[in-house]
N, C-alpha and C. Protein backbone atom coordinates (compact mmCIF):
# COMPACT_ATOMS: atom_id res chain seq x y z
N UNK A 1 7.11 44.18 5.23
CA UNK A 1 6.30 43.96 4.04
C UNK A 1 6.64 42.62 3.38
N UNK A 2 7.95 42.33 3.26
CA UNK A 2 8.36 41.07 2.65
C UNK A 2 7.85 39.88 3.46
N UNK A 3 7.84 40.02 4.77
CA UNK A 3 7.37 38.94 5.63
C UNK A 3 5.89 38.68 5.37
N UNK A 4 5.10 39.74 5.21
CA UNK A 4 3.67 39.57 4.93
C UNK A 4 3.45 38.90 3.59
N UNK A 5 4.23 39.29 2.59
CA UNK A 5 4.11 38.68 1.27
C UNK A 5 4.49 37.21 1.35
N UNK A 6 5.58 36.90 2.06
CA UNK A 6 6.00 35.51 2.22
C UNK A 6 4.93 34.69 2.94
N UNK A 7 4.37 35.24 4.02
CA UNK A 7 3.32 34.54 4.76
C UNK A 7 2.11 34.31 3.87
N UNK A 8 1.73 35.32 3.11
CA UNK A 8 0.59 35.17 2.20
C UNK A 8 0.88 34.10 1.15
N UNK A 9 2.10 34.10 0.62
CA UNK A 9 2.47 33.10 -0.39
C UNK A 9 2.49 31.70 0.22
N UNK A 10 3.04 31.59 1.41
CA UNK A 10 3.08 30.29 2.08
C UNK A 10 1.68 29.79 2.39
N UNK A 11 0.82 30.69 2.83
CA UNK A 11 -0.56 30.32 3.10
C UNK A 11 -1.25 29.86 1.83
N UNK A 12 -1.03 30.59 0.75
CA UNK A 12 -1.62 30.20 -0.54
C UNK A 12 -1.13 28.81 -0.93
N UNK A 13 0.14 28.57 -0.71
CA UNK A 13 0.72 27.28 -1.06
C UNK A 13 0.05 26.17 -0.28
N UNK A 14 -0.13 26.37 0.98
CA UNK A 14 -0.71 25.32 1.83
C UNK A 14 -2.18 25.11 1.49
N UNK A 15 -2.92 26.19 1.30
CA UNK A 15 -4.34 26.06 1.03
C UNK A 15 -4.63 25.47 -0.33
N UNK A 16 -3.76 25.67 -1.26
CA UNK A 16 -3.95 25.21 -2.63
C UNK A 16 -3.71 23.73 -2.74
N UNK A 17 -2.96 23.22 -1.83
CA UNK A 17 -2.58 21.81 -1.89
C UNK A 17 -3.78 20.89 -1.90
N UNK A 18 -3.60 19.74 -2.52
CA UNK A 18 -4.58 18.66 -2.54
C UNK A 18 -3.90 17.45 -1.93
N UNK A 19 -4.56 16.30 -1.88
CA UNK A 19 -3.90 15.09 -1.40
C UNK A 19 -3.92 14.05 -2.50
N UNK A 20 -3.42 12.93 -2.27
CA UNK A 20 -3.57 11.74 -3.09
C UNK A 20 -3.27 11.90 -4.56
N UNK A 21 -2.36 12.78 -4.91
CA UNK A 21 -1.96 12.88 -6.31
C UNK A 21 -1.42 11.54 -6.76
N UNK A 22 -0.84 10.81 -5.83
CA UNK A 22 -0.25 9.52 -6.17
C UNK A 22 -1.30 8.48 -6.56
N UNK A 23 -2.54 8.70 -6.18
CA UNK A 23 -3.55 7.70 -6.49
C UNK A 23 -3.78 7.57 -7.98
N UNK A 24 -3.63 8.68 -8.71
CA UNK A 24 -3.81 8.64 -10.15
C UNK A 24 -5.26 8.47 -10.57
N UNK A 25 -6.18 8.49 -9.65
CA UNK A 25 -7.59 8.33 -9.97
C UNK A 25 -8.13 9.64 -10.51
N UNK A 26 -8.47 9.64 -11.78
CA UNK A 26 -8.99 10.86 -12.38
C UNK A 26 -10.47 10.74 -12.72
N UNK A 27 -11.16 9.78 -12.11
CA UNK A 27 -12.60 9.70 -12.34
C UNK A 27 -13.21 11.02 -11.86
N UNK A 28 -14.06 11.55 -12.63
CA UNK A 28 -14.63 12.85 -12.32
C UNK A 28 -14.04 13.95 -13.18
N UNK A 29 -12.92 13.68 -13.83
CA UNK A 29 -12.33 14.66 -14.75
C UNK A 29 -12.77 14.27 -16.16
N UNK A 30 -13.63 15.07 -16.77
CA UNK A 30 -14.11 14.73 -18.12
C UNK A 30 -13.04 14.85 -19.20
N UNK A 31 -11.87 15.36 -18.84
CA UNK A 31 -10.80 15.56 -19.81
C UNK A 31 -9.50 14.87 -19.37
N UNK A 32 -9.62 13.68 -18.83
CA UNK A 32 -8.46 12.94 -18.33
C UNK A 32 -7.91 12.04 -19.44
N UNK A 33 -7.20 12.65 -20.38
CA UNK A 33 -6.57 11.89 -21.45
C UNK A 33 -5.26 12.56 -21.83
N UNK A 34 -4.47 11.89 -22.64
CA UNK A 34 -3.13 12.39 -23.00
C UNK A 34 -3.19 13.74 -23.71
N UNK A 35 -4.15 13.91 -24.57
CA UNK A 35 -4.28 15.18 -25.30
C UNK A 35 -4.49 16.35 -24.35
N UNK A 36 -5.38 16.18 -23.38
CA UNK A 36 -5.67 17.25 -22.44
C UNK A 36 -4.55 17.44 -21.42
N UNK A 37 -3.82 16.37 -21.12
CA UNK A 37 -2.66 16.51 -20.24
C UNK A 37 -1.61 17.39 -20.92
N UNK A 38 -1.39 17.19 -22.21
CA UNK A 38 -0.45 18.03 -22.95
C UNK A 38 -0.94 19.47 -23.03
N UNK A 39 -2.23 19.65 -23.24
CA UNK A 39 -2.80 21.00 -23.23
C UNK A 39 -2.60 21.63 -21.86
N UNK A 40 -2.81 20.85 -20.81
CA UNK A 40 -2.60 21.35 -19.45
C UNK A 40 -1.17 21.79 -19.22
N UNK A 41 -0.22 21.04 -19.75
CA UNK A 41 1.19 21.42 -19.62
C UNK A 41 1.46 22.76 -20.29
N UNK A 42 0.93 22.93 -21.49
CA UNK A 42 1.11 24.21 -22.20
C UNK A 42 0.47 25.36 -21.44
N UNK A 43 -0.71 25.11 -20.91
CA UNK A 43 -1.41 26.15 -20.14
C UNK A 43 -0.67 26.47 -18.85
N UNK A 44 -0.12 25.45 -18.22
CA UNK A 44 0.65 25.64 -16.99
C UNK A 44 1.78 26.63 -17.24
N UNK A 45 2.43 26.49 -18.38
CA UNK A 45 3.54 27.38 -18.72
C UNK A 45 3.04 28.77 -19.13
N UNK A 46 1.96 28.84 -19.88
CA UNK A 46 1.52 30.12 -20.44
C UNK A 46 0.57 30.92 -19.54
N UNK A 47 -0.15 30.25 -18.66
CA UNK A 47 -1.14 30.95 -17.82
C UNK A 47 -0.52 31.57 -16.57
N UNK A 48 0.75 31.29 -16.33
CA UNK A 48 1.42 31.88 -15.18
C UNK A 48 1.59 30.96 -13.98
N UNK A 49 1.12 29.73 -14.07
CA UNK A 49 1.23 28.78 -12.95
C UNK A 49 2.69 28.55 -12.57
N UNK A 50 3.54 28.48 -13.57
CA UNK A 50 4.96 28.18 -13.35
C UNK A 50 5.63 29.24 -12.47
N UNK A 51 5.16 30.47 -12.53
CA UNK A 51 5.77 31.55 -11.75
C UNK A 51 5.67 31.29 -10.24
N UNK A 52 4.58 30.72 -9.80
CA UNK A 52 4.41 30.44 -8.36
C UNK A 52 4.70 28.99 -7.99
N UNK A 53 4.35 28.07 -8.87
CA UNK A 53 4.47 26.65 -8.53
C UNK A 53 5.71 25.99 -9.12
N UNK A 54 6.50 26.75 -9.87
CA UNK A 54 7.77 26.24 -10.37
C UNK A 54 7.62 25.25 -11.51
N UNK A 55 8.76 24.89 -12.08
CA UNK A 55 8.79 23.91 -13.16
C UNK A 55 8.32 22.55 -12.66
N UNK A 56 7.59 21.86 -13.48
CA UNK A 56 7.04 20.54 -13.15
C UNK A 56 6.14 20.55 -11.93
N UNK A 57 5.62 21.70 -11.57
CA UNK A 57 4.64 21.86 -10.49
C UNK A 57 5.18 21.45 -9.12
N UNK A 58 6.49 21.52 -8.93
CA UNK A 58 7.08 21.07 -7.67
C UNK A 58 7.28 22.18 -6.64
N UNK A 59 6.73 23.34 -6.91
CA UNK A 59 6.73 24.40 -5.91
C UNK A 59 7.82 25.43 -6.11
N UNK A 60 7.53 26.62 -5.70
CA UNK A 60 8.45 27.77 -5.69
C UNK A 60 7.91 28.68 -4.59
N UNK A 61 7.31 29.80 -4.98
CA UNK A 61 6.64 30.66 -4.00
C UNK A 61 5.36 29.94 -3.54
N UNK A 62 4.69 29.31 -4.48
CA UNK A 62 3.49 28.52 -4.18
C UNK A 62 3.89 27.09 -3.86
N UNK A 63 2.91 26.28 -3.47
CA UNK A 63 3.21 24.92 -3.02
C UNK A 63 3.57 23.96 -4.14
N UNK A 64 4.20 22.88 -3.73
CA UNK A 64 4.44 21.72 -4.59
C UNK A 64 3.08 21.08 -4.84
N UNK A 65 2.73 20.90 -6.09
CA UNK A 65 1.44 20.31 -6.44
C UNK A 65 1.56 18.83 -6.76
N UNK A 66 2.77 18.26 -6.58
CA UNK A 66 2.98 16.87 -6.97
C UNK A 66 3.19 15.93 -5.79
N UNK A 67 3.19 16.44 -4.57
CA UNK A 67 3.42 15.57 -3.43
C UNK A 67 2.09 15.21 -2.76
N UNK A 68 2.18 14.53 -1.66
CA UNK A 68 0.97 14.10 -0.94
C UNK A 68 0.66 14.96 0.27
N UNK A 69 1.24 16.13 0.35
CA UNK A 69 1.03 17.00 1.50
C UNK A 69 0.02 18.08 1.16
N UNK A 70 -1.22 17.84 1.55
CA UNK A 70 -2.30 18.76 1.25
C UNK A 70 -3.06 19.06 2.53
N UNK A 71 -3.52 20.28 2.68
CA UNK A 71 -4.30 20.65 3.85
C UNK A 71 -5.77 20.30 3.72
N UNK A 72 -6.26 20.35 2.53
CA UNK A 72 -7.67 20.06 2.30
C UNK A 72 -7.81 18.64 1.77
N UNK A 73 -8.90 18.01 2.08
CA UNK A 73 -9.10 16.66 1.52
C UNK A 73 -9.06 16.72 0.01
N UNK A 74 -8.29 15.84 -0.58
CA UNK A 74 -8.10 15.85 -2.02
C UNK A 74 -9.33 15.38 -2.78
N UNK A 75 -9.62 16.11 -3.82
CA UNK A 75 -10.56 15.65 -4.86
C UNK A 75 -10.20 16.42 -6.11
N UNK A 76 -10.47 15.83 -7.23
CA UNK A 76 -10.21 16.53 -8.49
C UNK A 76 -11.05 17.80 -8.57
N UNK A 77 -12.27 17.72 -8.05
CA UNK A 77 -13.14 18.90 -8.06
C UNK A 77 -12.55 20.03 -7.23
N UNK A 78 -11.92 19.69 -6.10
CA UNK A 78 -11.31 20.72 -5.26
C UNK A 78 -10.17 21.41 -6.01
N UNK A 79 -9.35 20.63 -6.73
CA UNK A 79 -8.26 21.21 -7.51
C UNK A 79 -8.85 22.12 -8.59
N UNK A 80 -9.85 21.62 -9.30
CA UNK A 80 -10.52 22.41 -10.34
C UNK A 80 -11.06 23.71 -9.76
N UNK A 81 -11.77 23.61 -8.64
CA UNK A 81 -12.39 24.80 -8.05
C UNK A 81 -11.35 25.80 -7.55
N UNK A 82 -10.23 25.30 -7.07
CA UNK A 82 -9.16 26.21 -6.62
C UNK A 82 -8.59 26.98 -7.80
N UNK A 83 -8.38 26.30 -8.91
CA UNK A 83 -7.88 26.99 -10.11
C UNK A 83 -8.94 27.99 -10.59
N UNK A 84 -10.18 27.57 -10.64
CA UNK A 84 -11.25 28.43 -11.14
C UNK A 84 -11.50 29.64 -10.25
N UNK A 85 -11.58 29.40 -8.94
CA UNK A 85 -12.02 30.44 -8.01
C UNK A 85 -10.92 31.08 -7.18
N UNK A 86 -9.71 30.53 -7.24
CA UNK A 86 -8.63 31.04 -6.41
C UNK A 86 -8.87 30.69 -4.96
N UNK A 87 -8.07 31.28 -4.10
CA UNK A 87 -8.21 31.09 -2.65
C UNK A 87 -8.22 32.46 -1.99
N UNK A 88 -9.32 32.81 -1.40
CA UNK A 88 -9.46 34.09 -0.72
C UNK A 88 -8.39 34.25 0.35
N UNK A 89 -7.81 35.42 0.42
CA UNK A 89 -6.80 35.71 1.42
C UNK A 89 -5.42 35.18 1.09
N UNK A 90 -5.25 34.68 -0.14
CA UNK A 90 -3.95 34.16 -0.57
C UNK A 90 -3.57 34.80 -1.89
N UNK A 91 -2.42 34.44 -2.39
CA UNK A 91 -1.99 34.93 -3.70
C UNK A 91 -2.56 34.12 -4.86
N UNK A 92 -3.29 33.05 -4.55
CA UNK A 92 -3.88 32.22 -5.59
C UNK A 92 -5.08 32.94 -6.18
N UNK A 93 -4.87 33.44 -7.40
CA UNK A 93 -5.91 34.19 -8.10
C UNK A 93 -6.87 33.26 -8.82
N UNK A 94 -8.11 33.71 -9.04
CA UNK A 94 -9.05 32.91 -9.83
C UNK A 94 -8.72 32.99 -11.32
N UNK A 95 -8.93 31.89 -12.02
CA UNK A 95 -8.66 31.84 -13.45
C UNK A 95 -9.91 31.58 -14.27
N UNK A 96 -11.09 31.54 -13.63
CA UNK A 96 -12.30 31.20 -14.38
C UNK A 96 -12.67 32.21 -15.45
N UNK A 97 -12.21 33.44 -15.33
CA UNK A 97 -12.50 34.42 -16.38
C UNK A 97 -11.46 34.39 -17.50
N UNK A 98 -10.34 33.70 -17.26
CA UNK A 98 -9.28 33.62 -18.26
C UNK A 98 -9.23 32.27 -18.98
N UNK A 99 -9.74 31.23 -18.34
CA UNK A 99 -9.66 29.88 -18.89
C UNK A 99 -11.03 29.25 -18.97
N UNK A 100 -11.24 28.42 -19.98
CA UNK A 100 -12.50 27.67 -20.08
C UNK A 100 -12.49 26.52 -19.07
N UNK A 101 -13.63 25.94 -18.85
CA UNK A 101 -13.72 24.79 -17.96
C UNK A 101 -12.85 23.64 -18.48
N UNK A 102 -12.86 23.44 -19.78
CA UNK A 102 -12.02 22.40 -20.39
C UNK A 102 -10.54 22.67 -20.11
N UNK A 103 -10.12 23.92 -20.22
CA UNK A 103 -8.72 24.27 -19.94
C UNK A 103 -8.36 24.04 -18.47
N UNK A 104 -9.27 24.37 -17.58
CA UNK A 104 -9.02 24.15 -16.16
C UNK A 104 -8.88 22.66 -15.87
N UNK A 105 -9.78 21.84 -16.44
CA UNK A 105 -9.66 20.39 -16.25
C UNK A 105 -8.37 19.86 -16.88
N UNK A 106 -7.92 20.47 -17.96
CA UNK A 106 -6.65 20.07 -18.57
C UNK A 106 -5.49 20.36 -17.62
N UNK A 107 -5.54 21.48 -16.93
CA UNK A 107 -4.53 21.76 -15.90
C UNK A 107 -4.56 20.72 -14.79
N UNK A 108 -5.75 20.32 -14.38
CA UNK A 108 -5.88 19.27 -13.36
C UNK A 108 -5.21 17.99 -13.87
N UNK A 109 -5.46 17.63 -15.12
CA UNK A 109 -4.84 16.43 -15.70
C UNK A 109 -3.32 16.52 -15.67
N UNK A 110 -2.79 17.68 -16.01
CA UNK A 110 -1.34 17.87 -16.00
C UNK A 110 -0.78 17.74 -14.58
N UNK A 111 -1.43 18.35 -13.62
CA UNK A 111 -0.96 18.28 -12.22
C UNK A 111 -0.95 16.83 -11.74
N UNK A 112 -2.01 16.09 -12.03
CA UNK A 112 -2.08 14.68 -11.63
C UNK A 112 -0.97 13.89 -12.32
N UNK A 113 -0.76 14.16 -13.58
CA UNK A 113 0.28 13.45 -14.34
C UNK A 113 1.67 13.74 -13.77
N UNK A 114 1.93 14.98 -13.39
CA UNK A 114 3.24 15.31 -12.80
C UNK A 114 3.43 14.60 -11.46
N UNK A 115 2.38 14.49 -10.68
CA UNK A 115 2.46 13.75 -9.43
C UNK A 115 2.75 12.28 -9.67
N UNK A 116 2.11 11.72 -10.69
CA UNK A 116 2.33 10.33 -11.05
C UNK A 116 3.79 10.11 -11.48
N UNK A 117 4.30 11.01 -12.29
CA UNK A 117 5.70 10.91 -12.75
C UNK A 117 6.67 11.00 -11.58
N UNK A 118 6.38 11.89 -10.64
CA UNK A 118 7.24 12.04 -9.48
C UNK A 118 7.31 10.74 -8.68
N UNK A 119 6.17 10.11 -8.48
CA UNK A 119 6.13 8.85 -7.75
C UNK A 119 6.92 7.77 -8.49
N UNK A 120 6.74 7.71 -9.81
CA UNK A 120 7.44 6.70 -10.60
C UNK A 120 8.96 6.91 -10.54
N UNK A 121 9.40 8.15 -10.61
CA UNK A 121 10.84 8.42 -10.58
C UNK A 121 11.45 8.15 -9.20
N UNK A 122 10.61 8.21 -8.17
CA UNK A 122 11.08 7.93 -6.82
C UNK A 122 11.01 6.43 -6.50
N UNK A 123 10.47 5.66 -7.44
CA UNK A 123 10.36 4.22 -7.26
C UNK A 123 9.27 3.80 -6.30
N UNK A 124 8.25 4.64 -6.16
CA UNK A 124 7.14 4.30 -5.26
C UNK A 124 6.03 3.64 -6.01
């Protein structure tokens, strides 16, 4: 049973991943500003994201959301849609009934910001 849960969690982690967090391009995010990034950080902590993706979005049971290792082609819309709709067959639950569209985009802003910070701290 634990193996199945681990496999499901690992699959969720891989499927949830995006690419190009390092690009910092947030065109397409109507809420890409400092205020919404801070809101995204608060939501990340309170909505349960931290339980699977760990502190600073660097992964735990779920994937690291701040690196460049993504299975699906990266787009901000893909990240938004994954948060909103979840990933079928994984532990990634949909949040569209719990969060507004603005809140989901705020989470996207926070995730992108954490990726940017990670790159800066690594000197890239």
